[in-house]
Amino acid sequence: MCLGVVARVVEIASDGVVKVDLGGVTVEALCMVPVEVGDLVVVHAGIVISKLSREEIVENLRIYYELVKYHYVFNGFDEAEASRRAREYLSKLLNGTDVDIEEVLGEEVE
């Protein structure tokens, strides 16, 4: 199974190359879809495979939050700390977009 990850475009580097933020790590990715700085995209194997609409962002990040939280629980963090870290990770990802974490998580946010 292959996994595309959600990233935020932070710079249009050159023709066909963008820099994306993957939760605090900036990497270059090939990009053949029209994007602007601040857009959330799906990156797989170093290639931007799609730009996300607002509805897709909210839906995907709800699932992504659960995966990130599970990662922390799996690595020994208790549920509360795992939730805090997952929320922090999503907040970084959403920085610079017009989507806020309350919209993504709804009742989950404290």
PDB file of N, CA and C in Angstrom:
ATOM      1  N   MET A   1       0.839  -1.178   0.000  1.00  0.00           N
ATOM      2  CA  MET A   1       0.000   0.000   0.000  1.00  0.00           C
ATOM      3  C   MET A   1       0.883   1.240   0.000  1.00  0.00           C
ATOM      4  N   CYS A   2       0.515   2.226  -0.779  1.00  0.00           N
ATOM      5  CA  CYS A   2       1.241   3.487  -0.847  1.00  0.00           C
ATOM      6  C   CYS A   2       0.472   4.544  -0.062  1.00  0.00           C
ATOM      7  N   LEU A   3       1.203   5.479   0.496  1.00  0.00           N
ATOM      8  CA  LEU A   3       0.578   6.522   1.295  1.00  0.00           C
ATOM      9  C   LEU A   3       1.029   7.881   0.804  1.00  0.00           C
ATOM     10  N   GLY A   4       0.083   8.701   0.424  1.00  0.00           N
ATOM     11  CA  GLY A   4       0.375  10.091   0.118  1.00  0.00           C
ATOM     12  C   GLY A   4       0.206  10.881   1.398  1.00  0.00           C
ATOM     13  N   VAL A   5       1.037  11.889   1.603  1.00  0.00           N
ATOM     14  CA  VAL A   5       0.950  12.689   2.818  1.00  0.00           C
ATOM     15  C   VAL A   5       0.499  14.104   2.481  1.00  0.00           C
ATOM     16  N   VAL A   6      -0.197  14.710   3.416  1.00  0.00           N
ATOM     17  CA  VAL A   6      -0.672  16.075   3.249  1.00  0.00           C
ATOM     18  C   VAL A   6       0.476  17.019   3.582  1.00  0.00           C
ATOM     19  N   ALA A   7       0.692  18.004   2.723  1.00  0.00           N
ATOM     20  CA  ALA A   7       1.743  18.995   2.930  1.00  0.00           C
ATOM     21  C   ALA A   7       1.215  20.365   2.524  1.00  0.00           C
ATOM     22  N   ARG A   8       1.888  21.402   3.009  1.00  0.00           N
ATOM     23  CA  ARG A   8       1.510  22.780   2.677  1.00  0.00           C
ATOM     24  C   ARG A   8       2.588  23.366   1.789  1.00  0.00           C
ATOM     25  N   VAL A   9       2.184  23.977   0.677  1.00  0.00           N
ATOM     26  CA  VAL A   9       3.131  24.624  -0.236  1.00  0.00           C
ATOM     27  C   VAL A   9       3.657  25.888   0.438  1.00  0.00           C
ATOM     28  N   VAL A  10       4.989  25.986   0.566  1.00  0.00           N
ATOM     29  CA  VAL A  10       5.590  27.161   1.204  1.00  0.00           C
ATOM     30  C   VAL A  10       6.355  28.025   0.219  1.00  0.00           C
ATOM     31  N   GLU A  11       6.683  27.459  -0.946  1.00  0.00           N
ATOM     32  CA  GLU A  11       7.434  28.240  -1.933  1.00  0.00           C
ATOM     33  C   GLU A  11       7.295  27.597  -3.310  1.00  0.00           C
ATOM     34  N   ILE A  12       7.154  28.440  -4.308  1.00  0.00           N
ATOM     35  CA  ILE A  12       7.219  27.971  -5.688  1.00  0.00           C
ATOM     36  C   ILE A  12       8.686  28.130  -6.064  1.00  0.00           C
ATOM     37  N   ALA A  13       9.442  27.026  -6.067  1.00  0.00           N
ATOM     38  CA  ALA A  13      10.896  27.082  -6.208  1.00  0.00           C
ATOM     39  C   ALA A  13      11.324  27.375  -7.642  1.00  0.00           C
ATOM     40  N   SER A  14      10.801  26.641  -8.587  1.00  0.00           N
ATOM     41  CA  SER A  14      11.127  26.847  -9.996  1.00  0.00           C
ATOM     42  C   SER A  14      10.074  26.149 -10.829  1.00  0.00           C
ATOM     43  N   ASP A  15      10.223  26.210 -12.111  1.00  0.00           N
ATOM     44  CA  ASP A  15       9.240  25.605 -13.003  1.00  0.00           C
ATOM     45  C   ASP A  15       9.108  24.109 -12.719  1.00  0.00           C
ATOM     46  N   GLY A  16       7.970  23.716 -12.196  1.00  0.00           N
ATOM     47  CA  GLY A  16       7.722  22.309 -11.924  1.00  0.00           C
ATOM     48  C   GLY A  16       8.221  21.818 -10.579  1.00  0.00           C
ATOM     49  N   VAL A  17       8.789  22.705  -9.754  1.00  0.00           N
ATOM     50  CA  VAL A  17       9.279  22.307  -8.433  1.00  0.00           C
ATOM     51  C   VAL A  17       8.722  23.264  -7.392  1.00  0.00           C
ATOM     52  N   VAL A  18       8.213  22.697  -6.293  1.00  0.00           N
ATOM     53  CA  VAL A  18       7.741  23.502  -5.166  1.00  0.00           C
ATOM     54  C   VAL A  18       8.420  23.012  -3.899  1.00  0.00           C
ATOM     55  N   LYS A  19       8.432  23.871  -2.889  1.00  0.00           N
ATOM     56  CA  LYS A  19       8.871  23.452  -1.564  1.00  0.00           C
ATOM     57  C   LYS A  19       7.622  23.295  -0.726  1.00  0.00           C
ATOM     58  N   VAL A  20       7.542  22.168  -0.016  1.00  0.00           N
ATOM     59  CA  VAL A  20       6.380  21.891   0.816  1.00  0.00           C
ATOM     60  C   VAL A  20       6.815  21.629   2.245  1.00  0.00           C
ATOM     61  N   ASP A  21       5.938  21.986   3.173  1.00  0.00           N
ATOM     62  CA  ASP A  21       6.171  21.751   4.596  1.00  0.00           C
ATOM     63  C   ASP A  21       5.405  20.503   5.000  1.00  0.00           C
ATOM     64  N   LEU A  22       6.145  19.524   5.484  1.00  0.00           N
ATOM     65  CA  LEU A  22       5.547  18.272   5.952  1.00  0.00           C
ATOM     66  C   LEU A  22       5.582  18.267   7.477  1.00  0.00           C
ATOM     67  N   GLY A  23       4.808  19.141   8.101  1.00  0.00           N
ATOM     68  CA  GLY A  23       4.742  19.194   9.557  1.00  0.00           C
ATOM     69  C   GLY A  23       6.027  19.639  10.213  1.00  0.00           C
ATOM     70  N   GLY A  24       6.744  20.567   9.584  1.00  0.00           N
ATOM     71  CA  GLY A  24       7.971  21.101  10.161  1.00  0.00           C
ATOM     72  C   GLY A  24       9.211  20.791   9.350  1.00  0.00           C
ATOM     73  N   VAL A  25       9.125  19.883   8.424  1.00  0.00           N
ATOM     74  CA  VAL A  25      10.238  19.543   7.547  1.00  0.00           C
ATOM     75  C   VAL A  25       9.907  20.054   6.152  1.00  0.00           C
ATOM     76  N   THR A  26      10.804  20.849   5.570  1.00  0.00           N
ATOM     77  CA  THR A  26      10.581  21.386   4.233  1.00  0.00           C
ATOM     78  C   THR A  26      11.358  20.564   3.216  1.00  0.00           C
ATOM     79  N   VAL A  27      10.658  20.120   2.184  1.00  0.00           N
ATOM     80  CA  VAL A  27      11.289  19.337   1.120  1.00  0.00           C
ATOM     81  C   VAL A  27      10.821  19.859  -0.236  1.00  0.00           C
ATOM     82  N   GLU A  28      11.605  19.549  -1.268  1.00  0.00           N
ATOM     83  CA  GLU A  28      11.203  19.884  -2.625  1.00  0.00           C
ATOM     84  C   GLU A  28      10.386  18.742  -3.207  1.00  0.00           C
ATOM     85  N   ALA A  29       9.420  19.095  -4.044  1.00  0.00           N
ATOM     86  CA  ALA A  29       8.595  18.086  -4.706  1.00  0.00           C
ATOM     87  C   ALA A  29       8.320  18.547  -6.135  1.00  0.00           C
ATOM     88  N   LEU A  30       8.247  17.598  -7.037  1.00  0.00           N
ATOM     89  CA  LEU A  30       7.832  17.907  -8.397  1.00  0.00           C
ATOM     90  C   LEU A  30       6.349  18.224  -8.375  1.00  0.00           C
ATOM     91  N   CYS A  31       5.941  19.185  -9.194  1.00  0.00           N
ATOM     92  CA  CYS A  31       4.539  19.593  -9.175  1.00  0.00           C
ATOM     93  C   CYS A  31       4.076  19.949 -10.576  1.00  0.00           C
ATOM     94  N   MET A  32       3.069  19.245 -11.040  1.00  0.00           N
ATOM     95  CA  MET A  32       2.519  19.504 -12.361  1.00  0.00           C
ATOM     96  C   MET A  32       1.068  19.990 -12.295  1.00  0.00           C
ATOM     97  N   VAL A  33       0.601  20.320 -11.102  1.00  0.00           N
ATOM     98  CA  VAL A  33      -0.738  20.891 -10.938  1.00  0.00           C
ATOM     99  C   VAL A  33      -0.583  22.344 -10.495  1.00  0.00           C
ATOM    100  N   PRO A  34      -1.495  23.216 -10.891  1.00  0.00           N
ATOM    101  CA  PRO A  34      -1.370  24.619 -10.485  1.00  0.00           C
ATOM    102  C   PRO A  34      -1.608  24.779  -8.981  1.00  0.00           C
ATOM    103  N   VAL A  35      -0.623  25.365  -8.288  1.00  0.00           N
ATOM    104  CA  VAL A  35      -0.725  25.590  -6.844  1.00  0.00           C
ATOM    105  C   VAL A  35      -0.219  26.984  -6.522  1.00  0.00           C
ATOM    106  N   GLU A  36      -0.600  27.437  -5.340  1.00  0.00           N
ATOM    107  CA  GLU A  36      -0.125  28.704  -4.812  1.00  0.00           C
ATOM    108  C   GLU A  36       0.429  28.456  -3.417  1.00  0.00           C
ATOM    109  N   VAL A  37       1.262  29.374  -2.939  1.00  0.00           N
ATOM    110  CA  VAL A  37       1.780  29.280  -1.578  1.00  0.00           C
ATOM    111  C   VAL A  37       0.595  29.240  -0.619  1.00  0.00           C
ATOM    112  N   GLY A  38       0.629  28.312   0.324  1.00  0.00           N
ATOM    113  CA  GLY A  38      -0.445  28.141   1.299  1.00  0.00           C
ATOM    114  C   GLY A  38      -1.394  27.009   0.964  1.00  0.00           C
ATOM    115  N   ASP A  39      -1.396  26.550  -0.286  1.00  0.00           N
ATOM    116  CA  ASP A  39      -2.275  25.442  -0.672  1.00  0.00           C
ATOM    117  C   ASP A  39      -1.851  24.158   0.036  1.00  0.00           C
ATOM    118  N   LEU A  40      -2.824  23.339   0.384  1.00  0.00           N
ATOM    119  CA  LEU A  40      -2.536  22.010   0.909  1.00  0.00           C
ATOM    120  C   LEU A  40      -2.627  21.024  -0.246  1.00  0.00           C
ATOM    121  N   VAL A  41      -1.640  20.136  -0.298  1.00  0.00           N
ATOM    122  CA  VAL A  41      -1.521  19.189  -1.401  1.00  0.00           C
ATOM    123  C   VAL A  41      -1.230  17.797  -0.844  1.00  0.00           C
ATOM    124  N   VAL A  42      -1.388  16.797  -1.693  1.00  0.00           N
ATOM    125  CA  VAL A  42      -1.003  15.436  -1.348  1.00  0.00           C
ATOM    126  C   VAL A  42       0.295  15.137  -2.099  1.00  0.00           C
ATOM    127  N   VAL A  43       1.311  14.697  -1.335  1.00  0.00           N
ATOM    128  CA  VAL A  43       2.616  14.379  -1.906  1.00  0.00           C
ATOM    129  C   VAL A  43       2.859  12.888  -1.758  1.00  0.00           C
ATOM    130  N   HIS A  44       3.283  12.270  -2.852  1.00  0.00           N
ATOM    131  CA  HIS A  44       3.637  10.848  -2.828  1.00  0.00           C
ATOM    132  C   HIS A  44       4.925  10.678  -3.631  1.00  0.00           C
ATOM    133  N   ALA A  45       5.915  10.053  -3.016  1.00  0.00           N
ATOM    134  CA  ALA A  45       7.191   9.753  -3.676  1.00  0.00           C
ATOM    135  C   ALA A  45       7.828  10.998  -4.283  1.00  0.00           C
ATOM    136  N   GLY A  46       7.731  12.130  -3.576  1.00  0.00           N
ATOM    137  CA  GLY A  46       8.361  13.356  -4.040  1.00  0.00           C
ATOM    138  C   GLY A  46       7.624  14.087  -5.133  1.00  0.00           C
ATOM    139  N   ILE A  47       6.363  13.718  -5.365  1.00  0.00           N
ATOM    140  CA  ILE A  47       5.568  14.340  -6.420  1.00  0.00           C
ATOM    141  C   ILE A  47       4.236  14.810  -5.836  1.00  0.00           C
ATOM    142  N   VAL A  48       3.873  16.063  -6.120  1.00  0.00           N
ATOM    143  CA  VAL A  48       2.558  16.557  -5.735  1.00  0.00           C
ATOM    144  C   VAL A  48       1.558  15.892  -6.669  1.00  0.00           C
ATOM    145  N   ILE A  49       0.692  15.046  -6.095  1.00  0.00           N
ATOM    146  CA  ILE A  49      -0.247  14.313  -6.944  1.00  0.00           C
ATOM    147  C   ILE A  49      -1.619  14.968  -7.007  1.00  0.00           C
ATOM    148  N   SER A  50      -1.920  15.871  -6.062  1.00  0.00           N
ATOM    149  CA  SER A  50      -3.179  16.605  -6.151  1.00  0.00           C
ATOM    150  C   SER A  50      -3.191  17.773  -5.184  1.00  0.00           C
ATOM    151  N   LYS A  51      -3.998  18.757  -5.538  1.00  0.00           N
ATOM    152  CA  LYS A  51      -4.283  19.890  -4.664  1.00  0.00           C
ATOM    153  C   LYS A  51      -5.613  19.577  -4.006  1.00  0.00           C
ATOM    154  N   LEU A  52      -5.724  19.867  -2.712  1.00  0.00           N
ATOM    155  CA  LEU A  52      -6.936  19.535  -1.975  1.00  0.00           C
ATOM    156  C   LEU A  52      -7.908  20.709  -1.944  1.00  0.00           C
ATOM    157  N   SER A  53      -9.198  20.407  -2.142  1.00  0.00           N
ATOM    158  CA  SER A  53     -10.241  21.414  -1.949  1.00  0.00           C
ATOM    159  C   SER A  53     -10.469  21.565  -0.446  1.00  0.00           C
ATOM    160  N   ARG A  54     -11.178  22.593  -0.057  1.00  0.00           N
ATOM    161  CA  ARG A  54     -11.465  22.822   1.369  1.00  0.00           C
ATOM    162  C   ARG A  54     -12.164  21.606   1.993  1.00  0.00           C
ATOM    163  N   GLU A  55     -13.146  21.046   1.297  1.00  0.00           N
ATOM    164  CA  GLU A  55     -13.865  19.882   1.823  1.00  0.00           C
ATOM    165  C   GLU A  55     -12.930  18.685   1.965  1.00  0.00           C
ATOM    166  N   GLU A  56     -12.063  18.494   0.981  1.00  0.00           N
ATOM    167  CA  GLU A  56     -11.108  17.389   1.048  1.00  0.00           C
ATOM    168  C   GLU A  56     -10.104  17.585   2.179  1.00  0.00           C
ATOM    169  N   ILE A  57      -9.706  18.841   2.397  1.00  0.00           N
ATOM    170  CA  ILE A  57      -8.774  19.143   3.484  1.00  0.00           C
ATOM    171  C   ILE A  57      -9.377  18.710   4.810  1.00  0.00           C
ATOM    172  N   VAL A  58     -10.594  19.147   5.069  1.00  0.00           N
ATOM    173  CA  VAL A  58     -11.243  18.839   6.346  1.00  0.00           C
ATOM    174  C   VAL A  58     -11.420  17.329   6.503  1.00  0.00           C
ATOM    175  N   GLU A  59     -11.937  16.667   5.481  1.00  0.00           N
ATOM    176  CA  GLU A  59     -12.168  15.227   5.553  1.00  0.00           C
ATOM    177  C   GLU A  59     -10.858  14.444   5.726  1.00  0.00           C
ATOM    178  N   ASN A  60      -9.852  14.782   4.921  1.00  0.00           N
ATOM    179  CA  ASN A  60      -8.581  14.068   4.998  1.00  0.00           C
ATOM    180  C   ASN A  60      -7.863  14.309   6.314  1.00  0.00           C
ATOM    181  N   LEU A  61      -7.901  15.547   6.801  1.00  0.00           N
ATOM    182  CA  LEU A  61      -7.176  15.838   8.035  1.00  0.00           C
ATOM    183  C   LEU A  61      -7.836  15.239   9.268  1.00  0.00           C
ATOM    184  N   ARG A  62      -9.147  15.012   9.228  1.00  0.00           N
ATOM    185  CA  ARG A  62      -9.785  14.285  10.338  1.00  0.00           C
ATOM    186  C   ARG A  62      -9.178  12.882  10.439  1.00  0.00           C
ATOM    187  N   ILE A  63      -9.035  12.234   9.304  1.00  0.00           N
ATOM    188  CA  ILE A  63      -8.455  10.891   9.265  1.00  0.00           C
ATOM    189  C   ILE A  63      -6.973  10.958   9.613  1.00  0.00           C
ATOM    190  N   TYR A  64      -6.276  11.945   9.051  1.00  0.00           N
ATOM    191  CA  TYR A  64      -4.837  12.101   9.286  1.00  0.00           C
ATOM    192  C   TYR A  64      -4.562  12.316  10.777  1.00  0.00           C
ATOM    193  N   TYR A  65      -5.404  13.103  11.441  1.00  0.00           N
ATOM    194  CA  TYR A  65      -5.274  13.331  12.879  1.00  0.00           C
ATOM    195  C   TYR A  65      -5.305  12.002  13.634  1.00  0.00           C
ATOM    196  N   GLU A  66      -6.248  11.143  13.294  1.00  0.00           N
ATOM    197  CA  GLU A  66      -6.355   9.841  13.960  1.00  0.00           C
ATOM    198  C   GLU A  66      -5.097   8.998  13.729  1.00  0.00           C
ATOM    199  N   LEU A  67      -4.554   9.048  12.515  1.00  0.00           N
ATOM    200  CA  LEU A  67      -3.327   8.300  12.225  1.00  0.00           C
ATOM    201  C   LEU A  67      -2.142   8.833  13.025  1.00  0.00           C
ATOM    202  N   VAL A  68      -2.016  10.159  13.094  1.00  0.00           N
ATOM    203  CA  VAL A  68      -0.921  10.763  13.849  1.00  0.00           C
ATOM    204  C   VAL A  68      -1.070  10.434  15.334  1.00  0.00           C
ATOM    205  N   LYS A  69      -2.296  10.550  15.839  1.00  0.00           N
ATOM    206  CA  LYS A  69      -2.547  10.233  17.251  1.00  0.00           C
ATOM    207  C   LYS A  69      -2.205   8.773  17.541  1.00  0.00           C
ATOM    208  N   TYR A  70      -2.617   7.874  16.648  1.00  0.00           N
ATOM    209  CA  TYR A  70      -2.311   6.453  16.812  1.00  0.00           C
ATOM    210  C   TYR A  70      -0.804   6.226  16.818  1.00  0.00           C
ATOM    211  N   HIS A  71      -0.084   6.930  15.968  1.00  0.00           N
ATOM    212  CA  HIS A  71       1.374   6.822  15.927  1.00  0.00           C
ATOM    213  C   HIS A  71       1.968   7.112  17.310  1.00  0.00           C
ATOM    214  N   TYR A  72       1.492   8.186  17.952  1.00  0.00           N
ATOM    215  CA  TYR A  72       2.011   8.541  19.272  1.00  0.00           C
ATOM    216  C   TYR A  72       1.617   7.512  20.333  1.00  0.00           C
ATOM    217  N   VAL A  73       0.389   7.033  20.291  1.00  0.00           N
ATOM    218  CA  VAL A  73      -0.040   5.998  21.245  1.00  0.00           C
ATOM    219  C   VAL A  73       0.796   4.739  21.046  1.00  0.00           C
ATOM    220  N   PHE A  74       0.985   4.348  19.797  1.00  0.00           N
ATOM    221  CA  PHE A  74       1.779   3.154  19.473  1.00  0.00           C
ATOM    222  C   PHE A  74       3.200   3.283  20.006  1.00  0.00           C
ATOM    223  N   ASN A  75       3.705   4.525  20.046  1.00  0.00           N
ATOM    224  CA  ASN A  75       5.072   4.756  20.516  1.00  0.00           C
ATOM    225  C   ASN A  75       5.151   5.094  22.000  1.00  0.00           C
ATOM    226  N   GLY A  76       4.091   4.763  22.748  1.00  0.00           N
ATOM    227  CA  GLY A  76       4.167   4.813  24.203  1.00  0.00           C
ATOM    228  C   GLY A  76       3.573   6.031  24.884  1.00  0.00           C
ATOM    229  N   PHE A  77       3.020   6.971  24.152  1.00  0.00           N
ATOM    230  CA  PHE A  77       2.417   8.140  24.776  1.00  0.00           C
ATOM    231  C   PHE A  77       1.000   7.799  25.216  1.00  0.00           C
ATOM    232  N   ASP A  78       0.573   8.391  26.363  1.00  0.00           N
ATOM    233  CA  ASP A  78      -0.806   8.161  26.776  1.00  0.00           C
ATOM    234  C   ASP A  78      -1.749   8.919  25.843  1.00  0.00           C
ATOM    235  N   GLU A  79      -3.029   8.604  25.925  1.00  0.00           N
ATOM    236  CA  GLU A  79      -4.034   9.152  25.004  1.00  0.00           C
ATOM    237  C   GLU A  79      -4.053  10.681  25.003  1.00  0.00           C
ATOM    238  N   ALA A  80      -3.991  11.297  26.179  1.00  0.00           N
ATOM    239  CA  ALA A  80      -4.057  12.760  26.265  1.00  0.00           C
ATOM    240  C   ALA A  80      -2.843  13.406  25.603  1.00  0.00           C
ATOM    241  N   GLU A  81      -1.665  12.874  25.862  1.00  0.00           N
ATOM    242  CA  GLU A  81      -0.452  13.433  25.258  1.00  0.00           C
ATOM    243  C   GLU A  81      -0.429  13.180  23.752  1.00  0.00           C
ATOM    244  N   ALA A  82      -0.894  12.017  23.332  1.00  0.00           N
ATOM    245  CA  ALA A  82      -0.960  11.700  21.904  1.00  0.00           C
ATOM    246  C   ALA A  82      -1.902  12.683  21.198  1.00  0.00           C
ATOM    247  N   SER A  83      -3.044  12.983  21.809  1.00  0.00           N
ATOM    248  CA  SER A  83      -3.989  13.939  21.237  1.00  0.00           C
ATOM    249  C   SER A  83      -3.375  15.326  21.153  1.00  0.00           C
ATOM    250  N   ARG A  84      -2.695  15.740  22.218  1.00  0.00           N
ATOM    251  CA  ARG A  84      -2.057  17.065  22.233  1.00  0.00           C
ATOM    252  C   ARG A  84      -1.024  17.185  21.117  1.00  0.00           C
ATOM    253  N   ARG A  85      -0.192  16.167  20.967  1.00  0.00           N
ATOM    254  CA  ARG A  85       0.850  16.198  19.934  1.00  0.00           C
ATOM    255  C   ARG A  85       0.253  16.156  18.528  1.00  0.00           C
ATOM    256  N   ALA A  86      -0.792  15.373  18.344  1.00  0.00           N
ATOM    257  CA  ALA A  86      -1.435  15.293  17.033  1.00  0.00           C
ATOM    258  C   ALA A  86      -2.083  16.628  16.677  1.00  0.00           C
ATOM    259  N   ARG A  87      -2.733  17.294  17.656  1.00  0.00           N
ATOM    260  CA  ARG A  87      -3.323  18.617  17.418  1.00  0.00           C
ATOM    261  C   ARG A  87      -2.246  19.634  17.068  1.00  0.00           C
ATOM    262  N   GLU A  88      -1.121  19.570  17.778  1.00  0.00           N
ATOM    263  CA  GLU A  88      -0.005  20.486  17.516  1.00  0.00           C
ATOM    264  C   GLU A  88       0.518  20.285  16.089  1.00  0.00           C
ATOM    265  N   TYR A  89       0.646  19.034  15.683  1.00  0.00           N
ATOM    266  CA  TYR A  89       1.112  18.716  14.335  1.00  0.00           C
ATOM    267  C   TYR A  89       0.150  19.284  13.280  1.00  0.00           C
ATOM    268  N   LEU A  90      -1.154  19.073  13.478  1.00  0.00           N
ATOM    269  CA  LEU A  90      -2.136  19.601  12.525  1.00  0.00           C
ATOM    270  C   LEU A  90      -2.144  21.126  12.507  1.00  0.00           C
ATOM    271  N   SER A  91      -1.964  21.747  13.665  1.00  0.00           N
ATOM    272  CA  SER A  91      -1.928  23.211  13.726  1.00  0.00           C
ATOM    273  C   SER A  91      -0.795  23.752  12.867  1.00  0.00           C
ATOM    274  N   LYS A  92       0.368  23.108  12.924  1.00  0.00           N
ATOM    275  CA  LYS A  92       1.498  23.526  12.094  1.00  0.00           C
ATOM    276  C   LYS A  92       1.159  23.368  10.622  1.00  0.00           C
ATOM    277  N   LEU A  93       0.532  22.269  10.284  1.00  0.00           N
ATOM    278  CA  LEU A  93       0.178  22.001   8.897  1.00  0.00           C
ATOM    279  C   LEU A  93      -0.834  23.017   8.373  1.00  0.00           C
ATOM    280  N   LEU A  94      -1.770  23.417   9.218  1.00  0.00           N
ATOM    281  CA  LEU A  94      -2.824  24.350   8.813  1.00  0.00           C
ATOM    282  C   LEU A  94      -2.378  25.805   8.844  1.00  0.00           C
ATOM    283  N   ASN A  95      -1.231  26.092   9.452  1.00  0.00           N
ATOM    284  CA  ASN A  95      -0.723  27.456   9.519  1.00  0.00           C
ATOM    285  C   ASN A  95      -0.598  28.027   8.105  1.00  0.00           C
ATOM    286  N   GLY A  96      -1.160  29.206   7.902  1.00  0.00           N
ATOM    287  CA  GLY A  96      -1.098  29.838   6.594  1.00  0.00           C
ATOM    288  C   GLY A  96      -2.257  29.485   5.676  1.00  0.00           C
ATOM    289  N   THR A  97      -3.180  28.658   6.169  1.00  0.00           N
ATOM    290  CA  THR A  97      -4.374  28.334   5.388  1.00  0.00           C
ATOM    291  C   THR A  97      -5.566  29.005   6.045  1.00  0.00           C
ATOM    292  N   ASP A  98      -6.717  28.965   5.378  1.00  0.00           N
ATOM    293  CA  ASP A  98      -7.917  29.548   5.976  1.00  0.00           C
ATOM    294  C   ASP A  98      -8.769  28.491   6.683  1.00  0.00           C
ATOM    295  N   VAL A  99      -8.180  27.325   6.945  1.00  0.00           N
ATOM    296  CA  VAL A  99      -8.868  26.251   7.667  1.00  0.00           C
ATOM    297  C   VAL A  99      -8.296  26.216   9.079  1.00  0.00           C
ATOM    298  N   ASP A 100      -9.171  26.191  10.099  1.00  0.00           N
ATOM    299  CA  ASP A 100      -8.650  26.099  11.462  1.00  0.00           C
ATOM    300  C   ASP A 100      -8.904  24.715  12.036  1.00  0.00           C
ATOM    301  N   ILE A 101      -8.180  24.420  13.080  1.00  0.00           N
ATOM    302  CA  ILE A 101      -8.210  23.070  13.647  1.00  0.00           C
ATOM    303  C   ILE A 101      -9.584  22.715  14.205  1.00  0.00           C
ATOM    304  N   GLU A 102     -10.340  23.708  14.709  1.00  0.00           N
ATOM    305  CA  GLU A 102     -11.680  23.428  15.220  1.00  0.00           C
ATOM    306  C   GLU A 102     -12.590  22.913  14.112  1.00  0.00           C
ATOM    307  N   GLU A 103     -12.411  23.450  12.906  1.00  0.00           N
ATOM    308  CA  GLU A 103     -13.216  22.998  11.774  1.00  0.00           C
ATOM    309  C   GLU A 103     -12.890  21.540  11.430  1.00  0.00           C
ATOM    310  N   VAL A 104     -11.626  21.173  11.561  1.00  0.00           N
ATOM    311  CA  VAL A 104     -11.200  19.813  11.233  1.00  0.00           C
ATOM    312  C   VAL A 104     -11.650  18.828  12.308  1.00  0.00           C
ATOM    313  N   LEU A 105     -11.439  19.177  13.571  1.00  0.00           N
ATOM    314  CA  LEU A 105     -11.672  18.206  14.653  1.00  0.00           C
ATOM    315  C   LEU A 105     -12.998  18.356  15.363  1.00  0.00           C
ATOM    316  N   GLY A 106     -13.667  19.482  15.208  1.00  0.00           N
ATOM    317  CA  GLY A 106     -14.963  19.659  15.853  1.00  0.00           C
ATOM    318  C   GLY A 106     -14.880  19.508  17.351  1.00  0.00           C
ATOM    319  N   GLU A 107     -15.626  18.572  17.920  1.00  0.00           N
ATOM    320  CA  GLU A 107     -15.719  18.364  19.359  1.00  0.00           C
ATOM    321  C   GLU A 107     -14.423  17.896  19.985  1.00  0.00           C
ATOM    322  N   GLU A 108     -13.517  17.355  19.193  1.00  0.00           N
ATOM    323  CA  GLU A 108     -12.265  16.800  19.711  1.00  0.00           C
ATOM    324  C   GLU A 108     -11.389  17.848  20.368  1.00  0.00           C
ATOM    325  N   VAL A 109     -11.440  19.106  19.883  1.00  0.00           N
ATOM    326  CA  VAL A 109     -10.552  20.161  20.371  1.00  0.00           C
ATOM    327  C   VAL A 109     -10.998  20.600  21.752  1.00  0.00           C
ATOM    328  N   GLU A 110     -10.022  20.713  22.653  1.00  0.00           N
ATOM    329  CA  GLU A 110     -10.311  21.136  24.032  1.00  0.00           C
ATOM    330  C   GLU A 110     -10.367  22.644  24.131  1.00  0.00           C
TER     331      GLU A 110
END
